[in-house]
């Protein structure tokens, strides 16, 4: 087992446990639980696989559950309310613990519920997808979607710990595995060029689920995420670079209907848009852009934008983004391979050129 730490101020630092068989080590959980009341939030796909063993490990606690439908389309206020219903019905106190057992949707919703219930209860992340293990479970971003914008309702709320058990990836389907690799690739593109070289050389091992390769990719990704979050918890500066491809990607997720594209798939396409725009600003050359596209293709991720979305629709949806200031669309771009920019104000004409020309070239 590897133990990394997210270093925050005011004694709010927390560990990330990475290894195999961690769900069979209940002491990892117990040391972070403050009272006998535990609510486990999971979904219909994950609960049958891992909930029984987790409940057994917490046999002496009052363990209640909320099982939600599986999918991004259910990450909304209506389903969030089901978590509050259970917390209130079972008379949970502010010393209670909420455990999110699932992928990014469950982690985001569980964390937001924990942040809001009695103004904050203990929250533990047990991510069960690669994307959640390398990205969404670390850093304290929580929330739900709205029909007009993804993740626009939420809060920063850090977990007590993250338990990333690599064994759960054995039950992950190939599409979800690839979606997680999009966020892994992101770290190489924005700040770790050496890691990107390693990913290009080892992508076949990752897709074949080589345990050693996956463990290294998870650890290296979490190190990158923890360093960024430790430096800029509330995204006032460098943390914004973690959103490479996300402004375009969120527009794709919202515009095509939540759940049609997995988050990592939309981010892969969005990062290709960002690379194209970076070239138009003179930061990347054509070979750099081709390299970005090829590594996503090697990971079995889409690079072709949805044909049904118009340039006007992209612009409208991208205007609803947390990075925007005073009505100006701001995106993260690449100054070089391995170096992301801080948010850049984009001229409408430049944005339209990228949306039009990249979409046509990759139709």
Protein backbone atom coordinates (compact mmCIF):
# COMPACT_ATOMS: atom_id res chain seq x y z
CA UNK A 1 0.00 0.00 0.00
CA UNK A 2 1.15 3.52 -0.85
CA UNK A 3 -0.02 6.46 1.25
CA UNK A 4 -0.02 9.95 -0.27
CA UNK A 5 -1.17 13.10 1.48
CA UNK A 6 -3.13 16.11 0.32
CA UNK A 7 -1.46 18.87 2.32
CA UNK A 8 -3.91 21.57 3.36
CA UNK A 9 -3.91 24.18 6.09
CA UNK A 10 -5.81 24.19 9.41
CA UNK A 11 -5.16 20.49 10.06
CA UNK A 12 -7.33 19.47 7.11
CA UNK A 13 -4.74 17.32 5.34
CA UNK A 14 -5.84 13.80 4.53
CA UNK A 15 -4.39 10.54 3.21
CA UNK A 16 -4.94 8.78 -0.09
CA UNK A 17 -4.48 5.04 0.33
CA UNK A 18 -3.53 3.26 -2.91
CA UNK A 19 -3.12 -0.50 -3.17
CA UNK A 20 -4.77 -3.89 -3.60
CA UNK A 21 -7.14 -5.53 -1.14
CA UNK A 22 -7.77 -2.30 0.76
CA UNK A 23 -11.49 -2.99 1.12
CA UNK A 24 -10.48 -6.04 3.15
CA UNK A 25 -8.64 -3.82 5.64
CA UNK A 26 -11.48 -2.30 7.73
CA UNK A 27 -9.05 -0.56 10.06
CA UNK A 28 -8.35 1.94 7.27
CA UNK A 29 -11.99 3.01 7.45
CA UNK A 30 -12.52 2.78 11.17
CA UNK A 31 -9.76 5.22 12.08
CA UNK A 32 -11.59 7.93 10.14
CA UNK A 33 -15.11 7.29 11.53
CA UNK A 34 -16.14 9.42 14.50
CA UNK A 35 -19.42 7.84 15.62
CA UNK A 36 -21.47 4.67 15.21
CA UNK A 37 -23.67 6.19 12.50
CA UNK A 38 -22.52 5.42 8.95
CA UNK A 39 -24.39 6.03 5.71
CA UNK A 40 -23.04 4.31 2.59
CA UNK A 41 -24.11 5.89 -0.71
CA UNK A 42 -23.63 3.71 -3.78
CA UNK A 43 -25.35 2.86 -7.06
CA UNK A 44 -27.17 -0.09 -8.57
CA UNK A 45 -24.07 -1.32 -10.42
CA UNK A 46 -21.49 -1.10 -7.63
CA UNK A 47 -23.61 -2.02 -4.59
CA UNK A 48 -24.06 -5.71 -5.47
CA UNK A 49 -20.30 -6.06 -5.99
CA UNK A 50 -18.80 -4.34 -2.95
CA UNK A 51 -21.49 -3.21 -0.51
CA UNK A 52 -21.89 -6.54 1.36
CA UNK A 53 -18.19 -6.78 2.25
CA UNK A 54 -18.13 -3.13 3.31
CA UNK A 55 -21.18 -3.64 5.52
CA UNK A 56 -19.56 -6.71 7.08
CA UNK A 57 -16.40 -4.74 7.82
CA UNK A 58 -18.54 -2.21 9.71
CA UNK A 59 -20.67 -4.77 11.51
CA UNK A 60 -20.63 -3.01 14.89
CA UNK A 61 -21.79 0.31 13.41
CA UNK A 62 -25.28 1.53 12.57
CA UNK A 63 -24.90 1.18 8.81
CA UNK A 64 -27.61 2.56 6.54
CA UNK A 65 -27.54 2.70 2.75
CA UNK A 66 -28.79 4.75 -0.18
CA UNK A 67 -28.62 3.03 -3.57
CA UNK A 68 -29.02 5.40 -6.50
CA UNK A 69 -29.43 4.68 -10.22
CA UNK A 70 -26.17 4.48 -12.17
CA UNK A 71 -25.39 7.29 -14.58
CA UNK A 72 -24.54 10.95 -15.07
CA UNK A 73 -28.18 11.67 -15.93
CA UNK A 74 -29.09 10.99 -12.28
CA UNK A 75 -26.56 13.45 -10.84
CA UNK A 76 -29.18 16.05 -9.96
CA UNK A 77 -31.01 17.67 -7.08
CA UNK A 78 -33.90 15.21 -7.20
CA UNK A 79 -31.66 12.22 -6.52
CA UNK A 80 -29.50 14.17 -4.07
CA UNK A 81 -32.63 14.59 -1.96
CA UNK A 82 -32.83 10.82 -1.48
CA UNK A 83 -29.57 11.00 0.51
CA UNK A 84 -30.97 13.73 2.75
CA UNK A 85 -34.19 11.72 3.17
CA UNK A 86 -32.25 8.77 4.61
CA UNK A 87 -30.01 10.91 6.83
CA UNK A 88 -33.06 12.55 8.36
CA UNK A 89 -35.22 9.44 8.55
CA UNK A 90 -32.49 7.58 10.46
CA UNK A 91 -31.86 10.64 12.68
CA UNK A 92 -28.18 10.94 11.82
CA UNK A 93 -26.22 13.45 13.90
CA UNK A 94 -23.50 15.86 12.80
CA UNK A 95 -20.91 13.31 14.01
CA UNK A 96 -22.13 10.78 11.45
CA UNK A 97 -20.01 9.54 8.55
CA UNK A 98 -21.03 9.37 4.89
CA UNK A 99 -19.09 6.92 2.71
CA UNK A 100 -19.28 7.33 -1.07
CA UNK A 101 -18.82 3.91 -2.69
CA UNK A 102 -18.79 4.36 -6.44
CA UNK A 103 -17.50 6.41 -9.33
CA UNK A 104 -17.37 10.14 -9.84
CA UNK A 105 -21.13 10.67 -9.80
CA UNK A 106 -21.52 8.97 -6.42
CA UNK A 107 -18.47 10.73 -5.01
CA UNK A 108 -19.67 14.16 -6.16
CA UNK A 109 -23.22 13.64 -4.86
CA UNK A 110 -22.15 12.00 -1.61
CA UNK A 111 -19.64 14.74 -0.92
CA UNK A 112 -22.16 17.48 -1.60
CA UNK A 113 -24.70 15.82 0.71
CA UNK A 114 -22.04 15.50 3.42
CA UNK A 115 -21.11 19.17 3.00
CA UNK A 116 -24.72 20.30 3.36
CA UNK A 117 -26.18 17.98 6.01
CA UNK A 118 -26.10 19.84 9.32
CA UNK A 119 -23.48 22.05 7.63
CA UNK A 120 -20.96 19.26 7.35
CA UNK A 121 -20.43 15.65 8.40
CA UNK A 122 -17.49 13.29 7.97
CA UNK A 123 -17.02 12.17 4.37
CA UNK A 124 -14.97 9.23 3.06
CA UNK A 125 -14.31 8.46 -0.61
CA UNK A 126 -14.04 4.87 -1.86
CA UNK A 127 -13.75 5.39 -5.64
CA UNK A 128 -14.53 2.38 -7.82
CA UNK A 129 -13.65 3.70 -11.28
CA UNK A 130 -10.25 4.67 -12.64
CA UNK A 131 -11.47 8.19 -13.33
CA UNK A 132 -12.64 8.62 -9.75
CA UNK A 133 -9.45 7.14 -8.32
CA UNK A 134 -7.14 9.44 -10.26
CA UNK A 135 -9.20 12.59 -10.27
CA UNK A 136 -12.67 13.24 -8.89
CA UNK A 137 -12.19 11.60 -5.47
CA UNK A 138 -9.21 13.84 -4.67
CA UNK A 139 -9.49 17.56 -4.06
CA UNK A 140 -12.90 18.15 -2.53
CA UNK A 141 -14.97 19.22 -5.54
CA UNK A 142 -18.54 18.07 -4.97
CA UNK A 143 -21.87 18.86 -6.58
CA UNK A 144 -24.65 18.04 -9.00
CA UNK A 145 -25.62 18.97 -12.53
CA UNK A 146 -28.36 21.29 -13.76
CA UNK A 147 -30.06 20.96 -17.17
CA UNK A 148 -28.34 24.23 -18.18
CA UNK A 149 -24.86 23.41 -16.91
CA UNK A 150 -22.69 20.62 -15.53
CA UNK A 151 -21.45 20.82 -11.92
CA UNK A 152 -22.86 24.32 -11.48
CA UNK A 153 -24.36 23.52 -8.06
CA UNK A 154 -21.83 22.34 -5.52
CA UNK A 155 -19.26 23.02 -2.82
CA UNK A 156 -15.62 22.49 -1.98
CA UNK A 157 -15.65 19.83 0.75
CA UNK A 158 -12.62 17.67 1.48
CA UNK A 159 -12.91 14.00 2.50
CA UNK A 160 -11.32 12.53 5.61
CA UNK A 161 -9.55 10.01 3.40
CA UNK A 162 -9.60 8.38 -0.03
CA UNK A 163 -9.29 4.59 -0.31
CA UNK A 164 -8.32 3.63 -3.87
CA UNK A 165 -8.37 -0.17 -4.09
CA UNK A 166 -6.94 -1.19 -7.46
CA UNK A 167 -8.71 -4.57 -7.24
CA UNK A 168 -12.10 -2.96 -7.93
CA UNK A 169 -10.89 -2.06 -11.41
CA UNK A 170 -11.11 -5.77 -12.28
CA UNK A 171 -14.89 -5.35 -12.63
CA UNK A 172 -14.67 -2.10 -14.59
CA UNK A 173 -15.77 -2.36 -18.22
CA UNK A 174 -13.41 -1.35 -21.01
CA UNK A 175 -15.27 1.85 -21.84
CA UNK A 176 -15.08 3.10 -18.24
CA UNK A 177 -11.39 2.16 -18.07
CA UNK A 178 -10.67 4.22 -21.18
CA UNK A 179 -12.68 7.14 -19.80
CA UNK A 180 -10.46 7.14 -16.73
CA UNK A 181 -7.35 7.23 -18.89
CA UNK A 182 -8.47 10.60 -20.27
CA UNK A 183 -7.86 12.19 -16.87
CA UNK A 184 -4.56 10.30 -16.50
CA UNK A 185 -3.38 11.66 -19.84
CA UNK A 186 -4.41 15.15 -18.72
CA UNK A 187 -1.75 15.20 -15.99
CA UNK A 188 0.94 14.48 -18.53
CA UNK A 189 -0.29 17.22 -20.83
CA UNK A 190 -0.62 19.97 -18.23
CA UNK A 191 2.39 19.45 -15.96
CA UNK A 192 4.23 16.13 -16.27
CA UNK A 193 5.72 15.63 -19.74
CA UNK A 194 7.84 12.71 -18.53
CA UNK A 195 4.69 10.92 -17.41
CA UNK A 196 3.16 11.56 -20.85
CA UNK A 197 6.16 9.85 -22.45
CA UNK A 198 5.60 6.88 -20.12
CA UNK A 199 1.90 6.75 -20.99
CA UNK A 200 2.62 6.70 -24.73
CA UNK A 201 5.02 3.77 -24.22
CA UNK A 202 2.78 1.86 -21.81
CA UNK A 203 -0.75 2.42 -23.11
CA UNK A 204 -1.09 -1.21 -24.28
CA UNK A 205 -0.23 -2.40 -20.74
CA UNK A 206 -2.81 -0.07 -19.23
CA UNK A 207 -5.54 -1.21 -21.61
CA UNK A 208 -4.60 -4.83 -20.85
CA UNK A 209 -5.07 -4.01 -17.12
CA UNK A 210 -1.51 -4.76 -16.15
CA UNK A 211 -1.63 -4.33 -12.37
CA UNK A 212 1.81 -2.78 -12.04
CA UNK A 213 1.17 -0.29 -14.84
CA UNK A 214 -2.22 0.70 -13.45
CA UNK A 215 -0.79 1.11 -9.94
CA UNK A 216 1.93 3.40 -11.25
CA UNK A 217 -0.53 5.47 -13.31
CA UNK A 218 -2.87 5.88 -10.31
CA UNK A 219 -0.04 6.86 -7.98
CA UNK A 220 1.56 9.33 -10.42
CA UNK A 221 -1.83 10.91 -11.18
CA UNK A 222 -2.70 11.28 -7.50
CA UNK A 223 0.71 12.81 -6.77
CA UNK A 224 0.05 15.42 -9.45
CA UNK A 225 -3.49 16.11 -8.23
CA UNK A 226 -2.46 16.31 -4.57
CA UNK A 227 0.34 18.78 -5.35
CA UNK A 228 -1.98 21.07 -7.28
CA UNK A 229 -4.77 20.95 -4.69
CA UNK A 230 -2.30 21.53 -1.88
CA UNK A 231 -1.10 24.66 -3.60
CA UNK A 232 -4.52 26.00 -4.64
CA UNK A 233 -7.45 24.35 -2.86
CA UNK A 234 -10.20 26.70 -4.05
CA UNK A 235 -9.13 27.10 -7.68
CA UNK A 236 -7.99 30.71 -7.55
CA UNK A 237 -4.90 29.96 -9.63
CA UNK A 238 -3.02 26.86 -10.73
CA UNK A 239 -5.81 24.41 -9.88
CA UNK A 240 -7.74 25.75 -12.85
CA UNK A 241 -5.22 23.99 -15.12
CA UNK A 242 -6.79 20.67 -14.07
CA UNK A 243 -9.73 21.74 -16.25
CA UNK A 244 -7.88 21.29 -19.55
CA UNK A 245 -10.51 20.21 -22.07
CA UNK A 246 -13.29 20.45 -19.52
CA UNK A 247 -15.01 23.63 -20.73
CA UNK A 248 -15.44 22.09 -24.17
CA UNK A 249 -16.13 18.68 -22.63
CA UNK A 250 -18.83 19.91 -20.26
CA UNK A 251 -20.55 21.58 -23.20
CA UNK A 252 -20.53 18.24 -25.02
CA UNK A 253 -21.96 16.41 -22.00
CA UNK A 254 -24.71 18.98 -21.50
CA UNK A 255 -25.51 19.50 -25.17
CA UNK A 256 -25.69 15.81 -26.07
CA UNK A 257 -27.66 14.90 -22.92
CA UNK A 258 -26.08 13.75 -19.67
CA UNK A 259 -25.00 10.13 -19.92
CA UNK A 260 -24.56 9.96 -23.70
CA UNK A 261 -20.83 10.60 -23.39
CA UNK A 262 -18.88 9.49 -20.35
CA UNK A 263 -17.06 12.37 -18.69
CA UNK A 264 -13.64 11.13 -19.79
CA UNK A 265 -14.83 10.70 -23.37
CA UNK A 266 -16.10 14.29 -23.48
CA UNK A 267 -12.86 15.55 -21.91
CA UNK A 268 -10.80 13.72 -24.55
CA UNK A 269 -12.69 15.47 -27.34
CA UNK A 270 -12.55 18.75 -25.44
CA UNK A 271 -8.79 18.48 -25.01
CA UNK A 272 -8.39 18.03 -28.76
CA UNK A 273 -10.39 21.24 -29.23
CA UNK A 274 -8.10 22.95 -26.69
CA UNK A 275 -4.99 21.72 -28.52
CA UNK A 276 -6.36 23.04 -31.81
CA UNK A 277 -7.05 26.44 -30.25
CA UNK A 278 -3.58 26.42 -28.66
CA UNK A 279 -2.09 25.99 -32.13
CA UNK A 280 -4.15 28.92 -33.45
CA UNK A 281 -2.66 31.09 -30.71
CA UNK A 282 0.85 30.00 -31.74
CA UNK A 283 1.66 27.90 -28.66
CA UNK A 284 1.56 24.41 -30.18
CA UNK A 285 2.63 23.28 -33.62
CA UNK A 286 0.83 20.81 -35.84
CA UNK A 287 2.96 17.89 -34.60
CA UNK A 288 2.03 18.70 -31.00
CA UNK A 289 -1.67 18.69 -31.85
CA UNK A 290 -1.32 15.40 -33.68
CA UNK A 291 0.45 13.95 -30.63
CA UNK A 292 -2.48 14.95 -28.40
CA UNK A 293 -4.98 13.37 -30.76
CA UNK A 294 -2.97 10.16 -31.15
CA UNK A 295 -2.58 9.46 -27.44
CA UNK A 296 -6.33 9.71 -26.92
CA UNK A 297 -6.90 7.43 -29.90
CA UNK A 298 -4.36 4.97 -28.46
CA UNK A 299 -6.44 4.93 -25.25
CA UNK A 300 -9.56 4.00 -27.26
CA UNK A 301 -11.11 7.40 -26.63
CA UNK A 302 -13.16 9.46 -29.10
CA UNK A 303 -11.60 12.52 -30.71
CA UNK A 304 -14.50 13.30 -33.06
CA UNK A 305 -16.99 15.88 -31.77
CA UNK A 306 -20.72 15.10 -31.90
CA UNK A 307 -22.01 15.94 -35.36
CA UNK A 308 -25.35 17.16 -34.06
CA UNK A 309 -23.91 20.03 -32.01
CA UNK A 310 -23.65 23.43 -33.71
CA UNK A 311 -21.01 26.07 -33.09
CA UNK A 312 -23.70 28.31 -31.62
CA UNK A 313 -24.71 25.58 -29.17
CA UNK A 314 -21.12 25.14 -28.00
CA UNK A 315 -20.72 28.88 -27.46
CA UNK A 316 -24.00 29.13 -25.51
CA UNK A 317 -23.11 26.20 -23.26
CA UNK A 318 -19.50 27.27 -22.75
CA UNK A 319 -20.80 30.64 -21.58
CA UNK A 320 -22.16 28.78 -18.53
CA UNK A 321 -18.85 27.82 -16.93
CA UNK A 322 -17.36 28.47 -13.50
CA UNK A 323 -14.10 29.86 -14.94
CA UNK A 324 -15.86 32.63 -16.86
CA UNK A 325 -15.55 36.20 -15.57
CA UNK A 326 -17.71 39.19 -16.58
CA UNK A 327 -19.35 37.24 -19.36
CA UNK A 328 -16.08 36.32 -21.09
CA UNK A 329 -15.42 32.69 -22.03
CA UNK A 330 -12.19 31.50 -20.43
CA UNK A 331 -10.50 28.18 -21.22
CA UNK A 332 -7.37 26.29 -20.22
CA UNK A 333 -4.97 25.80 -23.12
CA UNK A 334 -1.50 24.33 -23.64
CA UNK A 335 1.48 26.64 -23.85
CA UNK A 336 3.56 23.52 -24.58
CA UNK A 337 3.30 19.77 -24.10
CA UNK A 338 3.60 19.42 -20.33
CA UNK A 339 2.66 23.02 -19.55
CA UNK A 340 -0.88 24.34 -19.30
CA UNK A 341 -1.89 27.96 -19.33
CA UNK A 342 -3.95 29.67 -16.67
CA UNK A 343 -7.48 30.58 -17.89
CA UNK A 344 -7.33 32.46 -21.17
CA UNK A 345 -10.00 34.90 -22.37
CA UNK A 346 -10.97 33.63 -25.81
CA UNK A 347 -12.13 35.88 -28.62
CA UNK A 348 -15.38 34.67 -30.12
CA UNK A 349 -13.88 34.54 -33.62
CA UNK A 350 -10.99 32.34 -32.44
CA UNK A 351 -13.36 30.03 -30.62
CA UNK A 352 -15.63 29.73 -33.63
CA UNK A 353 -12.66 28.95 -35.90
CA UNK A 354 -11.62 26.06 -33.68
CA UNK A 355 -15.17 24.75 -33.29
CA UNK A 356 -15.86 24.97 -37.02
CA UNK A 357 -12.54 23.80 -38.43
CA UNK A 358 -11.74 21.02 -35.95
CA UNK A 359 -15.28 19.68 -36.21
CA UNK A 360 -15.12 19.64 -40.01
CA UNK A 361 -11.64 18.11 -40.12
CA UNK A 362 -12.66 15.30 -37.82
CA UNK A 363 -16.21 14.67 -39.04
